[in-house]
Structures are given as C-alpha cells and as structure tokens.
Amino acid sequence: GVDLLTAPASSGGPTIHAPAAWVE
C-alpha cells in the first residue's frame, strides 16, 4: 500500500524551494 516519490538530483548549487511551492 505504499508508493514513493523520489527526490531529484540537484543540477546546480545549494538552493531551497519557496514555501508556496511546497504547499502547492
């Protein structure tokens, strides 16, 4: 009953996602 959404490899330097992007 469990699926996985993998994390993409970062193509550039360190970065973060905006809160609105995570919320959406």
PDBML (XML) file of the C-alpha atoms, coordinates in Angstrom:
<?xml version="1.0" encoding="UTF-8" ?>
<PDBx:datablock datablockName="MODEL"
   xmlns:PDBx="http://pdbml.pdb.org/schema/pdbx-v50.xsd"
   xmlns:xsi="http://www.w3.org/2001/XMLSchema-instance"
   xsi:schemaLocation="http://pdbml.pdb.org/schema/pdbx-v50.xsd pdbx-v50.xsd">
   <PDBx:atom_siteCategory>
      <PDBx:atom_site id="1">
         <PDBx:B_iso_or_equiv>0.00</PDBx:B_iso_or_equiv>
         <PDBx:Cartn_x>0.000</PDBx:Cartn_x>
         <PDBx:Cartn_y>0.000</PDBx:Cartn_y>
         <PDBx:Cartn_z>0.000</PDBx:Cartn_z>
         <PDBx:auth_asym_id>A</PDBx:auth_asym_id>
         <PDBx:auth_atom_id>CA</PDBx:auth_atom_id>
         <PDBx:auth_comp_id>GLY</PDBx:auth_comp_id>
         <PDBx:auth_seq_id>1</PDBx:auth_seq_id>
         <PDBx:group_PDB>ATOM</PDBx:group_PDB>
         <PDBx:label_alt_id xsi:nil="true" />
         <PDBx:label_asym_id>A</PDBx:label_asym_id>
         <PDBx:label_atom_id>CA</PDBx:label_atom_id>
         <PDBx:label_comp_id>GLY</PDBx:label_comp_id>
         <PDBx:label_entity_id>1</PDBx:label_entity_id>
         <PDBx:label_seq_id>1</PDBx:label_seq_id>
         <PDBx:occupancy>1.00</PDBx:occupancy>
         <PDBx:pdbx_PDB_model_num>1</PDBx:pdbx_PDB_model_num>
         <PDBx:type_symbol>C</PDBx:type_symbol>
      </PDBx:atom_site>
      <PDBx:atom_site id="2">
         <PDBx:B_iso_or_equiv>0.00</PDBx:B_iso_or_equiv>
         <PDBx:Cartn_x>2.974</PDBx:Cartn_x>
         <PDBx:Cartn_y>2.389</PDBx:Cartn_y>
         <PDBx:Cartn_z>-0.211</PDBx:Cartn_z>
         <PDBx:auth_asym_id>A</PDBx:auth_asym_id>
         <PDBx:auth_atom_id>CA</PDBx:auth_atom_id>
         <PDBx:auth_comp_id>VAL</PDBx:auth_comp_id>
         <PDBx:auth_seq_id>2</PDBx:auth_seq_id>
         <PDBx:group_PDB>ATOM</PDBx:group_PDB>
         <PDBx:label_alt_id xsi:nil="true" />
         <PDBx:label_asym_id>A</PDBx:label_asym_id>
         <PDBx:label_atom_id>CA</PDBx:label_atom_id>
         <PDBx:label_comp_id>VAL</PDBx:label_comp_id>
         <PDBx:label_entity_id>1</PDBx:label_entity_id>
         <PDBx:label_seq_id>2</PDBx:label_seq_id>
         <PDBx:occupancy>1.00</PDBx:occupancy>
         <PDBx:pdbx_PDB_model_num>1</PDBx:pdbx_PDB_model_num>
         <PDBx:type_symbol>C</PDBx:type_symbol>
      </PDBx:atom_site>
      <PDBx:atom_site id="3">
         <PDBx:B_iso_or_equiv>0.00</PDBx:B_iso_or_equiv>
         <PDBx:Cartn_x>4.235</PDBx:Cartn_x>
         <PDBx:Cartn_y>4.437</PDBx:Cartn_y>
         <PDBx:Cartn_z>-3.180</PDBx:Cartn_z>
         <PDBx:auth_asym_id>A</PDBx:auth_asym_id>
         <PDBx:auth_atom_id>CA</PDBx:auth_atom_id>
         <PDBx:auth_comp_id>ASP</PDBx:auth_comp_id>
         <PDBx:auth_seq_id>3</PDBx:auth_seq_id>
         <PDBx:group_PDB>ATOM</PDBx:group_PDB>
         <PDBx:label_alt_id xsi:nil="true" />
         <PDBx:label_asym_id>A</PDBx:label_asym_id>
         <PDBx:label_atom_id>CA</PDBx:label_atom_id>
         <PDBx:label_comp_id>ASP</PDBx:label_comp_id>
         <PDBx:label_entity_id>1</PDBx:label_entity_id>
         <PDBx:label_seq_id>3</PDBx:label_seq_id>
         <PDBx:occupancy>1.00</PDBx:occupancy>
         <PDBx:pdbx_PDB_model_num>1</PDBx:pdbx_PDB_model_num>
         <PDBx:type_symbol>C</PDBx:type_symbol>
      </PDBx:atom_site>
      <PDBx:atom_site id="4">
         <PDBx:B_iso_or_equiv>0.00</PDBx:B_iso_or_equiv>
         <PDBx:Cartn_x>7.405</PDBx:Cartn_x>
         <PDBx:Cartn_y>6.542</PDBx:Cartn_y>
         <PDBx:Cartn_z>-3.294</PDBx:Cartn_z>
         <PDBx:auth_asym_id>A</PDBx:auth_asym_id>
         <PDBx:auth_atom_id>CA</PDBx:auth_atom_id>
         <PDBx:auth_comp_id>LEU</PDBx:auth_comp_id>
         <PDBx:auth_seq_id>4</PDBx:auth_seq_id>
         <PDBx:group_PDB>ATOM</PDBx:group_PDB>
         <PDBx:label_alt_id xsi:nil="true" />
         <PDBx:label_asym_id>A</PDBx:label_asym_id>
         <PDBx:label_atom_id>CA</PDBx:label_atom_id>
         <PDBx:label_comp_id>LEU</PDBx:label_comp_id>
         <PDBx:label_entity_id>1</PDBx:label_entity_id>
         <PDBx:label_seq_id>4</PDBx:label_seq_id>
         <PDBx:occupancy>1.00</PDBx:occupancy>
         <PDBx:pdbx_PDB_model_num>1</PDBx:pdbx_PDB_model_num>
         <PDBx:type_symbol>C</PDBx:type_symbol>
      </PDBx:atom_site>
      <PDBx:atom_site id="5">
         <PDBx:B_iso_or_equiv>0.00</PDBx:B_iso_or_equiv>
         <PDBx:Cartn_x>8.085</PDBx:Cartn_x>
         <PDBx:Cartn_y>9.976</PDBx:Cartn_y>
         <PDBx:Cartn_z>-4.764</PDBx:Cartn_z>
         <PDBx:auth_asym_id>A</PDBx:auth_asym_id>
         <PDBx:auth_atom_id>CA</PDBx:auth_atom_id>
         <PDBx:auth_comp_id>LEU</PDBx:auth_comp_id>
         <PDBx:auth_seq_id>5</PDBx:auth_seq_id>
         <PDBx:group_PDB>ATOM</PDBx:group_PDB>
         <PDBx:label_alt_id xsi:nil="true" />
         <PDBx:label_asym_id>A</PDBx:label_asym_id>
         <PDBx:label_atom_id>CA</PDBx:label_atom_id>
         <PDBx:label_comp_id>LEU</PDBx:label_comp_id>
         <PDBx:label_entity_id>1</PDBx:label_entity_id>
         <PDBx:label_seq_id>5</PDBx:label_seq_id>
         <PDBx:occupancy>1.00</PDBx:occupancy>
         <PDBx:pdbx_PDB_model_num>1</PDBx:pdbx_PDB_model_num>
         <PDBx:type_symbol>C</PDBx:type_symbol>
      </PDBx:atom_site>
      <PDBx:atom_site id="6">
         <PDBx:B_iso_or_equiv>0.00</PDBx:B_iso_or_equiv>
         <PDBx:Cartn_x>11.846</PDBx:Cartn_x>
         <PDBx:Cartn_y>10.253</PDBx:Cartn_y>
         <PDBx:Cartn_z>-5.241</PDBx:Cartn_z>
         <PDBx:auth_asym_id>A</PDBx:auth_asym_id>
         <PDBx:auth_atom_id>CA</PDBx:auth_atom_id>
         <PDBx:auth_comp_id>THR</PDBx:auth_comp_id>
         <PDBx:auth_seq_id>6</PDBx:auth_seq_id>
         <PDBx:group_PDB>ATOM</PDBx:group_PDB>
         <PDBx:label_alt_id xsi:nil="true" />
         <PDBx:label_asym_id>A</PDBx:label_asym_id>
         <PDBx:label_atom_id>CA</PDBx:label_atom_id>
         <PDBx:label_comp_id>THR</PDBx:label_comp_id>
         <PDBx:label_entity_id>1</PDBx:label_entity_id>
         <PDBx:label_seq_id>6</PDBx:label_seq_id>
         <PDBx:occupancy>1.00</PDBx:occupancy>
         <PDBx:pdbx_PDB_model_num>1</PDBx:pdbx_PDB_model_num>
         <PDBx:type_symbol>C</PDBx:type_symbol>
      </PDBx:atom_site>
      <PDBx:atom_site id="7">
         <PDBx:B_iso_or_equiv>0.00</PDBx:B_iso_or_equiv>
         <PDBx:Cartn_x>13.898</PDBx:Cartn_x>
         <PDBx:Cartn_y>13.418</PDBx:Cartn_y>
         <PDBx:Cartn_z>-4.778</PDBx:Cartn_z>
         <PDBx:auth_asym_id>A</PDBx:auth_asym_id>
         <PDBx:auth_atom_id>CA</PDBx:auth_atom_id>
         <PDBx:auth_comp_id>ALA</PDBx:auth_comp_id>
         <PDBx:auth_seq_id>7</PDBx:auth_seq_id>
         <PDBx:group_PDB>ATOM</PDBx:group_PDB>
         <PDBx:label_alt_id xsi:nil="true" />
         <PDBx:label_asym_id>A</PDBx:label_asym_id>
         <PDBx:label_atom_id>CA</PDBx:label_atom_id>
         <PDBx:label_comp_id>ALA</PDBx:label_comp_id>
         <PDBx:label_entity_id>1</PDBx:label_entity_id>
         <PDBx:label_seq_id>7</PDBx:label_seq_id>
         <PDBx:occupancy>1.00</PDBx:occupancy>
         <PDBx:pdbx_PDB_model_num>1</PDBx:pdbx_PDB_model_num>
         <PDBx:type_symbol>C</PDBx:type_symbol>
      </PDBx:atom_site>
      <PDBx:atom_site id="8">
         <PDBx:B_iso_or_equiv>0.00</PDBx:B_iso_or_equiv>
         <PDBx:Cartn_x>15.503</PDBx:Cartn_x>
         <PDBx:Cartn_y>14.877</PDBx:Cartn_y>
         <PDBx:Cartn_z>-7.907</PDBx:Cartn_z>
         <PDBx:auth_asym_id>A</PDBx:auth_asym_id>
         <PDBx:auth_atom_id>CA</PDBx:auth_atom_id>
         <PDBx:auth_comp_id>PRO</PDBx:auth_comp_id>
         <PDBx:auth_seq_id>8</PDBx:auth_seq_id>
         <PDBx:group_PDB>ATOM</PDBx:group_PDB>
         <PDBx:label_alt_id xsi:nil="true" />
         <PDBx:label_asym_id>A</PDBx:label_asym_id>
         <PDBx:label_atom_id>CA</PDBx:label_atom_id>
         <PDBx:label_comp_id>PRO</PDBx:label_comp_id>
         <PDBx:label_entity_id>1</PDBx:label_entity_id>
         <PDBx:label_seq_id>8</PDBx:label_seq_id>
         <PDBx:occupancy>1.00</PDBx:occupancy>
         <PDBx:pdbx_PDB_model_num>1</PDBx:pdbx_PDB_model_num>
         <PDBx:type_symbol>C</PDBx:type_symbol>
      </PDBx:atom_site>
      <PDBx:atom_site id="9">
         <PDBx:B_iso_or_equiv>0.00</PDBx:B_iso_or_equiv>
         <PDBx:Cartn_x>19.260</PDBx:Cartn_x>
         <PDBx:Cartn_y>15.342</PDBx:Cartn_y>
         <PDBx:Cartn_z>-8.018</PDBx:Cartn_z>
         <PDBx:auth_asym_id>A</PDBx:auth_asym_id>
         <PDBx:auth_atom_id>CA</PDBx:auth_atom_id>
         <PDBx:auth_comp_id>ALA</PDBx:auth_comp_id>
         <PDBx:auth_seq_id>9</PDBx:auth_seq_id>
         <PDBx:group_PDB>ATOM</PDBx:group_PDB>
         <PDBx:label_alt_id xsi:nil="true" />
         <PDBx:label_asym_id>A</PDBx:label_asym_id>
         <PDBx:label_atom_id>CA</PDBx:label_atom_id>
         <PDBx:label_comp_id>ALA</PDBx:label_comp_id>
         <PDBx:label_entity_id>1</PDBx:label_entity_id>
         <PDBx:label_seq_id>9</PDBx:label_seq_id>
         <PDBx:occupancy>1.00</PDBx:occupancy>
         <PDBx:pdbx_PDB_model_num>1</PDBx:pdbx_PDB_model_num>
         <PDBx:type_symbol>C</PDBx:type_symbol>
      </PDBx:atom_site>
      <PDBx:atom_site id="10">
         <PDBx:B_iso_or_equiv>0.00</PDBx:B_iso_or_equiv>
         <PDBx:Cartn_x>20.270</PDBx:Cartn_x>
         <PDBx:Cartn_y>18.996</PDBx:Cartn_y>
         <PDBx:Cartn_z>-7.755</PDBx:Cartn_z>
         <PDBx:auth_asym_id>A</PDBx:auth_asym_id>
         <PDBx:auth_atom_id>CA</PDBx:auth_atom_id>
         <PDBx:auth_comp_id>SER</PDBx:auth_comp_id>
         <PDBx:auth_seq_id>10</PDBx:auth_seq_id>
         <PDBx:group_PDB>ATOM</PDBx:group_PDB>
         <PDBx:label_alt_id xsi:nil="true" />
         <PDBx:label_asym_id>A</PDBx:label_asym_id>
         <PDBx:label_atom_id>CA</PDBx:label_atom_id>
         <PDBx:label_comp_id>SER</PDBx:label_comp_id>
         <PDBx:label_entity_id>1</PDBx:label_entity_id>
         <PDBx:label_seq_id>10</PDBx:label_seq_id>
         <PDBx:occupancy>1.00</PDBx:occupancy>
         <PDBx:pdbx_PDB_model_num>1</PDBx:pdbx_PDB_model_num>
         <PDBx:type_symbol>C</PDBx:type_symbol>
      </PDBx:atom_site>
      <PDBx:atom_site id="11">
         <PDBx:B_iso_or_equiv>0.00</PDBx:B_iso_or_equiv>
         <PDBx:Cartn_x>21.650</PDBx:Cartn_x>
         <PDBx:Cartn_y>20.353</PDBx:Cartn_y>
         <PDBx:Cartn_z>-11.018</PDBx:Cartn_z>
         <PDBx:auth_asym_id>A</PDBx:auth_asym_id>
         <PDBx:auth_atom_id>CA</PDBx:auth_atom_id>
         <PDBx:auth_comp_id>SER</PDBx:auth_comp_id>
         <PDBx:auth_seq_id>11</PDBx:auth_seq_id>
         <PDBx:group_PDB>ATOM</PDBx:group_PDB>
         <PDBx:label_alt_id xsi:nil="true" />
         <PDBx:label_asym_id>A</PDBx:label_asym_id>
         <PDBx:label_atom_id>CA</PDBx:label_atom_id>
         <PDBx:label_comp_id>SER</PDBx:label_comp_id>
         <PDBx:label_entity_id>1</PDBx:label_entity_id>
         <PDBx:label_seq_id>11</PDBx:label_seq_id>
         <PDBx:occupancy>1.00</PDBx:occupancy>
         <PDBx:pdbx_PDB_model_num>1</PDBx:pdbx_PDB_model_num>
         <PDBx:type_symbol>C</PDBx:type_symbol>
      </PDBx:atom_site>
      <PDBx:atom_site id="12">
         <PDBx:B_iso_or_equiv>0.00</PDBx:B_iso_or_equiv>
         <PDBx:Cartn_x>23.181</PDBx:Cartn_x>
         <PDBx:Cartn_y>23.493</PDBx:Cartn_y>
         <PDBx:Cartn_z>-9.534</PDBx:Cartn_z>
         <PDBx:auth_asym_id>A</PDBx:auth_asym_id>
         <PDBx:auth_atom_id>CA</PDBx:auth_atom_id>
         <PDBx:auth_comp_id>GLY</PDBx:auth_comp_id>
         <PDBx:auth_seq_id>12</PDBx:auth_seq_id>
         <PDBx:group_PDB>ATOM</PDBx:group_PDB>
         <PDBx:label_alt_id xsi:nil="true" />
         <PDBx:label_asym_id>A</PDBx:label_asym_id>
         <PDBx:label_atom_id>CA</PDBx:label_atom_id>
         <PDBx:label_comp_id>GLY</PDBx:label_comp_id>
         <PDBx:label_entity_id>1</PDBx:label_entity_id>
         <PDBx:label_seq_id>12</PDBx:label_seq_id>
         <PDBx:occupancy>1.00</PDBx:occupancy>
         <PDBx:pdbx_PDB_model_num>1</PDBx:pdbx_PDB_model_num>
         <PDBx:type_symbol>C</PDBx:type_symbol>
      </PDBx:atom_site>
      <PDBx:atom_site id="13">
         <PDBx:B_iso_or_equiv>0.00</PDBx:B_iso_or_equiv>
         <PDBx:Cartn_x>24.430</PDBx:Cartn_x>
         <PDBx:Cartn_y>24.802</PDBx:Cartn_y>
         <PDBx:Cartn_z>-6.214</PDBx:Cartn_z>
         <PDBx:auth_asym_id>A</PDBx:auth_asym_id>
         <PDBx:auth_atom_id>CA</PDBx:auth_atom_id>
         <PDBx:auth_comp_id>GLY</PDBx:auth_comp_id>
         <PDBx:auth_seq_id>13</PDBx:auth_seq_id>
         <PDBx:group_PDB>ATOM</PDBx:group_PDB>
         <PDBx:label_alt_id xsi:nil="true" />
         <PDBx:label_asym_id>A</PDBx:label_asym_id>
         <PDBx:label_atom_id>CA</PDBx:label_atom_id>
         <PDBx:label_comp_id>GLY</PDBx:label_comp_id>
         <PDBx:label_entity_id>1</PDBx:label_entity_id>
         <PDBx:label_seq_id>13</PDBx:label_seq_id>
         <PDBx:occupancy>1.00</PDBx:occupancy>
         <PDBx:pdbx_PDB_model_num>1</PDBx:pdbx_PDB_model_num>
         <PDBx:type_symbol>C</PDBx:type_symbol>
      </PDBx:atom_site>
      <PDBx:atom_site id="14">
         <PDBx:B_iso_or_equiv>0.00</PDBx:B_iso_or_equiv>
         <PDBx:Cartn_x>22.573</PDBx:Cartn_x>
         <PDBx:Cartn_y>24.669</PDBx:Cartn_y>
         <PDBx:Cartn_z>-2.899</PDBx:Cartn_z>
         <PDBx:auth_asym_id>A</PDBx:auth_asym_id>
         <PDBx:auth_atom_id>CA</PDBx:auth_atom_id>
         <PDBx:auth_comp_id>PRO</PDBx:auth_comp_id>
         <PDBx:auth_seq_id>14</PDBx:auth_seq_id>
         <PDBx:group_PDB>ATOM</PDBx:group_PDB>
         <PDBx:label_alt_id xsi:nil="true" />
         <PDBx:label_asym_id>A</PDBx:label_asym_id>
         <PDBx:label_atom_id>CA</PDBx:label_atom_id>
         <PDBx:label_comp_id>PRO</PDBx:label_comp_id>
         <PDBx:label_entity_id>1</PDBx:label_entity_id>
         <PDBx:label_seq_id>14</PDBx:label_seq_id>
         <PDBx:occupancy>1.00</PDBx:occupancy>
         <PDBx:pdbx_PDB_model_num>1</PDBx:pdbx_PDB_model_num>
         <PDBx:type_symbol>C</PDBx:type_symbol>
      </PDBx:atom_site>
      <PDBx:atom_site id="15">
         <PDBx:B_iso_or_equiv>0.00</PDBx:B_iso_or_equiv>
         <PDBx:Cartn_x>19.044</PDBx:Cartn_x>
         <PDBx:Cartn_y>26.042</PDBx:Cartn_y>
         <PDBx:Cartn_z>-3.128</PDBx:Cartn_z>
         <PDBx:auth_asym_id>A</PDBx:auth_asym_id>
         <PDBx:auth_atom_id>CA</PDBx:auth_atom_id>
         <PDBx:auth_comp_id>THR</PDBx:auth_comp_id>
         <PDBx:auth_seq_id>15</PDBx:auth_seq_id>
         <PDBx:group_PDB>ATOM</PDBx:group_PDB>
         <PDBx:label_alt_id xsi:nil="true" />
         <PDBx:label_asym_id>A</PDBx:label_asym_id>
         <PDBx:label_atom_id>CA</PDBx:label_atom_id>
         <PDBx:label_comp_id>THR</PDBx:label_comp_id>
         <PDBx:label_entity_id>1</PDBx:label_entity_id>
         <PDBx:label_seq_id>15</PDBx:label_seq_id>
         <PDBx:occupancy>1.00</PDBx:occupancy>
         <PDBx:pdbx_PDB_model_num>1</PDBx:pdbx_PDB_model_num>
         <PDBx:type_symbol>C</PDBx:type_symbol>
      </PDBx:atom_site>
      <PDBx:atom_site id="16">
         <PDBx:B_iso_or_equiv>0.00</PDBx:B_iso_or_equiv>
         <PDBx:Cartn_x>15.683</PDBx:Cartn_x>
         <PDBx:Cartn_y>25.822</PDBx:Cartn_y>
         <PDBx:Cartn_z>-1.390</PDBx:Cartn_z>
         <PDBx:auth_asym_id>A</PDBx:auth_asym_id>
         <PDBx:auth_atom_id>CA</PDBx:auth_atom_id>
         <PDBx:auth_comp_id>ILE</PDBx:auth_comp_id>
         <PDBx:auth_seq_id>16</PDBx:auth_seq_id>
         <PDBx:group_PDB>ATOM</PDBx:group_PDB>
         <PDBx:label_alt_id xsi:nil="true" />
         <PDBx:label_asym_id>A</PDBx:label_asym_id>
         <PDBx:label_atom_id>CA</PDBx:label_atom_id>
         <PDBx:label_comp_id>ILE</PDBx:label_comp_id>
         <PDBx:label_entity_id>1</PDBx:label_entity_id>
         <PDBx:label_seq_id>16</PDBx:label_seq_id>
         <PDBx:occupancy>1.00</PDBx:occupancy>
         <PDBx:pdbx_PDB_model_num>1</PDBx:pdbx_PDB_model_num>
         <PDBx:type_symbol>C</PDBx:type_symbol>
      </PDBx:atom_site>
      <PDBx:atom_site id="17">
         <PDBx:B_iso_or_equiv>0.00</PDBx:B_iso_or_equiv>
         <PDBx:Cartn_x>12.054</PDBx:Cartn_x>
         <PDBx:Cartn_y>25.749</PDBx:Cartn_y>
         <PDBx:Cartn_z>-2.514</PDBx:Cartn_z>
         <PDBx:auth_asym_id>A</PDBx:auth_asym_id>
         <PDBx:auth_atom_id>CA</PDBx:auth_atom_id>
         <PDBx:auth_comp_id>HIS</PDBx:auth_comp_id>
         <PDBx:auth_seq_id>17</PDBx:auth_seq_id>
         <PDBx:group_PDB>ATOM</PDBx:group_PDB>
         <PDBx:label_alt_id xsi:nil="true" />
         <PDBx:label_asym_id>A</PDBx:label_asym_id>
         <PDBx:label_atom_id>CA</PDBx:label_atom_id>
         <PDBx:label_comp_id>HIS</PDBx:label_comp_id>
         <PDBx:label_entity_id>1</PDBx:label_entity_id>
         <PDBx:label_seq_id>17</PDBx:label_seq_id>
         <PDBx:occupancy>1.00</PDBx:occupancy>
         <PDBx:pdbx_PDB_model_num>1</PDBx:pdbx_PDB_model_num>
         <PDBx:type_symbol>C</PDBx:type_symbol>
      </PDBx:atom_site>
      <PDBx:atom_site id="18">
         <PDBx:B_iso_or_equiv>0.00</PDBx:B_iso_or_equiv>
         <PDBx:Cartn_x>9.691</PDBx:Cartn_x>
         <PDBx:Cartn_y>28.589</PDBx:Cartn_y>
         <PDBx:Cartn_z>-1.717</PDBx:Cartn_z>
         <PDBx:auth_asym_id>A</PDBx:auth_asym_id>
         <PDBx:auth_atom_id>CA</PDBx:auth_atom_id>
         <PDBx:auth_comp_id>ALA</PDBx:auth_comp_id>
         <PDBx:auth_seq_id>18</PDBx:auth_seq_id>
         <PDBx:group_PDB>ATOM</PDBx:group_PDB>
         <PDBx:label_alt_id xsi:nil="true" />
         <PDBx:label_asym_id>A</PDBx:label_asym_id>
         <PDBx:label_atom_id>CA</PDBx:label_atom_id>
         <PDBx:label_comp_id>ALA</PDBx:label_comp_id>
         <PDBx:label_entity_id>1</PDBx:label_entity_id>
         <PDBx:label_seq_id>18</PDBx:label_seq_id>
         <PDBx:occupancy>1.00</PDBx:occupancy>
         <PDBx:pdbx_PDB_model_num>1</PDBx:pdbx_PDB_model_num>
         <PDBx:type_symbol>C</PDBx:type_symbol>
      </PDBx:atom_site>
      <PDBx:atom_site id="19">
         <PDBx:B_iso_or_equiv>0.00</PDBx:B_iso_or_equiv>
         <PDBx:Cartn_x>7.042</PDBx:Cartn_x>
         <PDBx:Cartn_y>27.662</PDBx:Cartn_y>
         <PDBx:Cartn_z>0.884</PDBx:Cartn_z>
         <PDBx:auth_asym_id>A</PDBx:auth_asym_id>
         <PDBx:auth_atom_id>CA</PDBx:auth_atom_id>
         <PDBx:auth_comp_id>PRO</PDBx:auth_comp_id>
         <PDBx:auth_seq_id>19</PDBx:auth_seq_id>
         <PDBx:group_PDB>ATOM</PDBx:group_PDB>
         <PDBx:label_alt_id xsi:nil="true" />
         <PDBx:label_asym_id>A</PDBx:label_asym_id>
         <PDBx:label_atom_id>CA</PDBx:label_atom_id>
         <PDBx:label_comp_id>PRO</PDBx:label_comp_id>
         <PDBx:label_entity_id>1</PDBx:label_entity_id>
         <PDBx:label_seq_id>19</PDBx:label_seq_id>
         <PDBx:occupancy>1.00</PDBx:occupancy>
         <PDBx:pdbx_PDB_model_num>1</PDBx:pdbx_PDB_model_num>
         <PDBx:type_symbol>C</PDBx:type_symbol>
      </PDBx:atom_site>
      <PDBx:atom_site id="20">
         <PDBx:B_iso_or_equiv>0.00</PDBx:B_iso_or_equiv>
         <PDBx:Cartn_x>4.286</PDBx:Cartn_x>
         <PDBx:Cartn_y>28.281</PDBx:Cartn_y>
         <PDBx:Cartn_z>-1.664</PDBx:Cartn_z>
         <PDBx:auth_asym_id>A</PDBx:auth_asym_id>
         <PDBx:auth_atom_id>CA</PDBx:auth_atom_id>
         <PDBx:auth_comp_id>ALA</PDBx:auth_comp_id>
         <PDBx:auth_seq_id>20</PDBx:auth_seq_id>
         <PDBx:group_PDB>ATOM</PDBx:group_PDB>
         <PDBx:label_alt_id xsi:nil="true" />
         <PDBx:label_asym_id>A</PDBx:label_asym_id>
         <PDBx:label_atom_id>CA</PDBx:label_atom_id>
         <PDBx:label_comp_id>ALA</PDBx:label_comp_id>
         <PDBx:label_entity_id>1</PDBx:label_entity_id>
         <PDBx:label_seq_id>20</PDBx:label_seq_id>
         <PDBx:occupancy>1.00</PDBx:occupancy>
         <PDBx:pdbx_PDB_model_num>1</PDBx:pdbx_PDB_model_num>
         <PDBx:type_symbol>C</PDBx:type_symbol>
      </PDBx:atom_site>
      <PDBx:atom_site id="21">
         <PDBx:B_iso_or_equiv>0.00</PDBx:B_iso_or_equiv>
         <PDBx:Cartn_x>5.839</PDBx:Cartn_x>
         <PDBx:Cartn_y>25.690</PDBx:Cartn_y>
         <PDBx:Cartn_z>-3.982</PDBx:Cartn_z>
         <PDBx:auth_asym_id>A</PDBx:auth_asym_id>
         <PDBx:auth_atom_id>CA</PDBx:auth_atom_id>
         <PDBx:auth_comp_id>ALA</PDBx:auth_comp_id>
         <PDBx:auth_seq_id>21</PDBx:auth_seq_id>
         <PDBx:group_PDB>ATOM</PDBx:group_PDB>
         <PDBx:label_alt_id xsi:nil="true" />
         <PDBx:label_asym_id>A</PDBx:label_asym_id>
         <PDBx:label_atom_id>CA</PDBx:label_atom_id>
         <PDBx:label_comp_id>ALA</PDBx:label_comp_id>
         <PDBx:label_entity_id>1</PDBx:label_entity_id>
         <PDBx:label_seq_id>21</PDBx:label_seq_id>
         <PDBx:occupancy>1.00</PDBx:occupancy>
         <PDBx:pdbx_PDB_model_num>1</PDBx:pdbx_PDB_model_num>
         <PDBx:type_symbol>C</PDBx:type_symbol>
      </PDBx:atom_site>
      <PDBx:atom_site id="22">
         <PDBx:B_iso_or_equiv>0.00</PDBx:B_iso_or_equiv>
         <PDBx:Cartn_x>5.843</PDBx:Cartn_x>
         <PDBx:Cartn_y>23.049</PDBx:Cartn_y>
         <PDBx:Cartn_z>-1.257</PDBx:Cartn_z>
         <PDBx:auth_asym_id>A</PDBx:auth_asym_id>
         <PDBx:auth_atom_id>CA</PDBx:auth_atom_id>
         <PDBx:auth_comp_id>TRP</PDBx:auth_comp_id>
         <PDBx:auth_seq_id>22</PDBx:auth_seq_id>
         <PDBx:group_PDB>ATOM</PDBx:group_PDB>
         <PDBx:label_alt_id xsi:nil="true" />
         <PDBx:label_asym_id>A</PDBx:label_asym_id>
         <PDBx:label_atom_id>CA</PDBx:label_atom_id>
         <PDBx:label_comp_id>TRP</PDBx:label_comp_id>
         <PDBx:label_entity_id>1</PDBx:label_entity_id>
         <PDBx:label_seq_id>22</PDBx:label_seq_id>
         <PDBx:occupancy>1.00</PDBx:occupancy>
         <PDBx:pdbx_PDB_model_num>1</PDBx:pdbx_PDB_model_num>
         <PDBx:type_symbol>C</PDBx:type_symbol>
      </PDBx:atom_site>
      <PDBx:atom_site id="23">
         <PDBx:B_iso_or_equiv>0.00</PDBx:B_iso_or_equiv>
         <PDBx:Cartn_x>2.300</PDBx:Cartn_x>
         <PDBx:Cartn_y>23.913</PDBx:Cartn_y>
         <PDBx:Cartn_z>-0.190</PDBx:Cartn_z>
         <PDBx:auth_asym_id>A</PDBx:auth_asym_id>
         <PDBx:auth_atom_id>CA</PDBx:auth_atom_id>
         <PDBx:auth_comp_id>VAL</PDBx:auth_comp_id>
         <PDBx:auth_seq_id>23</PDBx:auth_seq_id>
         <PDBx:group_PDB>ATOM</PDBx:group_PDB>
         <PDBx:label_alt_id xsi:nil="true" />
         <PDBx:label_asym_id>A</PDBx:label_asym_id>
         <PDBx:label_atom_id>CA</PDBx:label_atom_id>
         <PDBx:label_comp_id>VAL</PDBx:label_comp_id>
         <PDBx:label_entity_id>1</PDBx:label_entity_id>
         <PDBx:label_seq_id>23</PDBx:label_seq_id>
         <PDBx:occupancy>1.00</PDBx:occupancy>
         <PDBx:pdbx_PDB_model_num>1</PDBx:pdbx_PDB_model_num>
         <PDBx:type_symbol>C</PDBx:type_symbol>
      </PDBx:atom_site>
      <PDBx:atom_site id="24">
         <PDBx:B_iso_or_equiv>0.00</PDBx:B_iso_or_equiv>
         <PDBx:Cartn_x>1.035</PDBx:Cartn_x>
         <PDBx:Cartn_y>23.547</PDBx:Cartn_y>
         <PDBx:Cartn_z>-3.771</PDBx:Cartn_z>
         <PDBx:auth_asym_id>A</PDBx:auth_asym_id>
         <PDBx:auth_atom_id>CA</PDBx:auth_atom_id>
         <PDBx:auth_comp_id>GLU</PDBx:auth_comp_id>
         <PDBx:auth_seq_id>24</PDBx:auth_seq_id>
         <PDBx:group_PDB>ATOM</PDBx:group_PDB>
         <PDBx:label_alt_id xsi:nil="true" />
         <PDBx:label_asym_id>A</PDBx:label_asym_id>
         <PDBx:label_atom_id>CA</PDBx:label_atom_id>
         <PDBx:label_comp_id>GLU</PDBx:label_comp_id>
         <PDBx:label_entity_id>1</PDBx:label_entity_id>
         <PDBx:label_seq_id>24</PDBx:label_seq_id>
         <PDBx:occupancy>1.00</PDBx:occupancy>
         <PDBx:pdbx_PDB_model_num>1</PDBx:pdbx_PDB_model_num>
         <PDBx:type_symbol>C</PDBx:type_symbol>
      </PDBx:atom_site>
   </PDBx:atom_siteCategory>
</PDBx:datablock>
